[in-house]
C-alpha atoms as a PDB file:
ATOM      1  CA  MET A   1     -98.629 119.894 -61.007  1.00  0.00           C
ATOM      2  CA  PRO A   2    -100.226 123.173 -59.820  1.00  0.00           C
ATOM      3  CA  LYS A   3     -97.956 125.957 -58.677  1.00  0.00           C
ATOM      4  CA  SER A   4     -98.038 126.772 -54.990  1.00  0.00           C
ATOM      5  CA  PRO A   5     -99.034 130.349 -54.163  1.00  0.00           C
ATOM      6  CA  PRO A   6     -96.135 132.780 -53.688  1.00  0.00           C
ATOM      7  CA  LEU A   7     -94.888 133.145 -50.148  1.00  0.00           C
ATOM      8  CA  PRO A   8     -95.849 136.383 -48.418  1.00  0.00           C
ATOM      9  CA  ARG A   9     -93.095 138.942 -48.085  1.00  0.00           C
ATOM     10  CA  PHE A  10     -91.343 139.190 -44.714  1.00  0.00           C
ATOM     11  CA  GLU A  11     -92.827 142.644 -44.179  1.00  0.00           C
ATOM     12  CA  GLU A  12     -96.328 141.274 -44.753  1.00  0.00           C
ATOM     13  CA  LEU A  13     -95.723 138.596 -42.130  1.00  0.00           C
ATOM     14  CA  VAL A  14     -94.528 141.192 -39.629  1.00  0.00           C
ATOM     15  CA  ASP A  15     -97.498 143.474 -40.374  1.00  0.00           C
ATOM     16  CA  ARG A  16     -99.939 140.609 -39.772  1.00  0.00           C
ATOM     17  CA  LEU A  17     -98.126 139.643 -36.574  1.00  0.00           C
ATOM     18  CA  GLU A  18     -98.309 143.228 -35.301  1.00  0.00           C
ATOM     19  CA  ALA A  19    -102.041 143.342 -36.096  1.00  0.00           C
ATOM     20  CA  LEU A  20    -102.584 140.130 -34.142  1.00  0.00           C
ATOM     21  CA  VAL A  21    -100.693 141.503 -31.151  1.00  0.00           C
ATOM     22  CA  LYS A  22    -102.870 144.629 -31.145  1.00  0.00           C
ATOM     23  CA  THR A  23    -105.973 142.472 -31.359  1.00  0.00           C
ATOM     24  CA  LEU A  24    -104.822 140.313 -28.465  1.00  0.00           C
ATOM     25  CA  GLU A  25    -103.930 143.373 -26.384  1.00  0.00           C
ATOM     26  CA  GLY A  26    -107.400 144.807 -26.926  1.00  0.00           C
ATOM     27  CA  GLU A  27    -110.565 143.691 -25.285  1.00  0.00           C
ATOM     28  CA  GLY A  28    -113.517 141.859 -26.661  1.00  0.00           C
ATOM     29  CA  LEU A  29    -112.101 138.559 -27.902  1.00  0.00           C
ATOM     30  CA  ASP A  30    -113.567 135.421 -26.427  1.00  0.00           C
ATOM     31  CA  LEU A  31    -111.237 132.659 -25.284  1.00  0.00           C
ATOM     32  CA  GLU A  32    -111.484 130.592 -28.473  1.00  0.00           C
ATOM     33  CA  SER A  33    -110.791 133.606 -30.715  1.00  0.00           C
ATOM     34  CA  SER A  34    -107.859 134.601 -28.513  1.00  0.00           C
ATOM     35  CA  LEU A  35    -106.385 131.118 -28.768  1.00  0.00           C
ATOM     36  CA  ARG A  36    -106.734 131.083 -32.567  1.00  0.00           C
ATOM     37  CA  ALA A  37    -105.079 134.502 -32.803  1.00  0.00           C
ATOM     38  CA  PHE A  38    -102.295 133.369 -30.481  1.00  0.00           C
ATOM     39  CA  GLU A  39    -101.693 130.193 -32.505  1.00  0.00           C
ATOM     40  CA  GLU A  40    -101.572 132.188 -35.724  1.00  0.00           C
ATOM     41  CA  GLY A  41     -99.142 134.617 -34.105  1.00  0.00           C
ATOM     42  CA  VAL A  42     -96.822 131.817 -33.010  1.00  0.00           C
ATOM     43  CA  ALA A  43     -96.857 130.372 -36.546  1.00  0.00           C
ATOM     44  CA  LEU A  44     -96.107 133.806 -38.029  1.00  0.00           C
ATOM     45  CA  ALA A  45     -93.271 134.395 -35.554  1.00  0.00           C
ATOM     46  CA  ARG A  46     -91.751 131.057 -36.575  1.00  0.00           C
ATOM     47  CA  GLN A  47     -92.031 131.968 -40.264  1.00  0.00           C
ATOM     48  CA  CYS A  48     -90.363 135.327 -39.600  1.00  0.00           C
ATOM     49  CA  HIS A  49     -87.552 133.645 -37.671  1.00  0.00           C
ATOM     50  CA  GLN A  50     -87.045 131.132 -40.495  1.00  0.00           C
ATOM     51  CA  ARG A  51     -86.889 133.925 -43.072  1.00  0.00           C
ATOM     52  CA  LEU A  52     -84.337 135.814 -40.973  1.00  0.00           C
ATOM     53  CA  ASP A  53     -82.227 132.672 -40.647  1.00  0.00           C
ATOM     54  CA  GLU A  54     -82.341 132.219 -44.435  1.00  0.00           C
ATOM     55  CA  ALA A  55     -81.365 135.850 -45.005  1.00  0.00           C
ATOM     56  CA  GLU A  56     -78.474 135.531 -42.577  1.00  0.00           C
ATOM     57  CA  ARG A  57     -77.115 132.571 -44.512  1.00  0.00           C
ATOM     58  CA  ARG A  58     -77.205 134.636 -47.698  1.00  0.00           C
ATOM     59  CA  VAL A  59     -75.381 137.615 -46.276  1.00  0.00           C
ATOM     60  CA  GLU A  60     -71.717 137.858 -47.057  1.00  0.00           C
ATOM     61  CA  VAL A  61     -69.202 140.053 -45.356  1.00  0.00           C
ATOM     62  CA  LEU A  62     -66.874 141.900 -47.678  1.00  0.00           C
ATOM     63  CA  ARG A  63     -63.353 141.870 -46.348  1.00  0.00           C
ATOM     64  CA  ARG A  64     -60.307 143.667 -47.677  1.00  0.00           C
ATOM     65  CA  ARG A  65     -57.329 141.395 -48.244  1.00  0.00           C
ATOM     66  CA  PRO A  66     -53.754 142.492 -47.546  1.00  0.00           C
ATOM     67  CA  ASP A  67     -53.211 143.004 -51.298  1.00  0.00           C
ATOM     68  CA  GLY A  68     -56.079 145.544 -51.356  1.00  0.00           C
ATOM     69  CA  THR A  69     -58.631 143.352 -53.110  1.00  0.00           C
ATOM     70  CA  VAL A  70     -62.043 142.752 -51.609  1.00  0.00           C
ATOM     71  CA  ALA A  71     -63.321 139.228 -51.054  1.00  0.00           C
ATOM     72  CA  GLY A  72     -66.665 137.932 -49.915  1.00  0.00           C
ATOM     73  CA  GLU A  73     -66.938 135.323 -47.227  1.00  0.00           C
ATOM     74  CA  PRO A  74     -69.879 133.840 -45.382  1.00  0.00           C
ATOM     75  CA  PHE A  75     -71.316 135.895 -42.551  1.00  0.00           C
ATOM     76  CA  THR A  76     -70.540 134.509 -39.103  1.00  0.00           C
ATOM     77  CA  PRO A  77     -72.646 136.011 -36.311  1.00  0.00           C
ATOM     78  CA  GLY A  78     -70.664 137.202 -33.322  1.00  0.00           C
ATOM     79  CA  ARG A  79     -67.332 137.157 -35.140  1.00  0.00           C
ATOM     80  CA  GLU A  80     -65.048 140.035 -34.294  1.00  0.00           C
ATOM     81  CA  GLU A  81     -63.834 142.085 -37.231  1.00  0.00           C
ATOM     82  CA  PRO A  82     -60.018 142.475 -37.432  1.00  0.00           C
END
């Protein structure tokens, strides 16, 4: 089975998304080109959001226990630190 191409890095996705935004903000695109750029931008934004969600799940918060040792535990967004 052939290998799928490597996924672009998050930074590459963001760079492409920024380039699309600049293109859309400029003048000179016809309606069809604008729609294609917009659709690509939405797809890129979704990919970026998915990557951020994946990264968040991988992040662990290091917490110091009462005995002085440090333990990792899953990151919980919005949780107050003691």
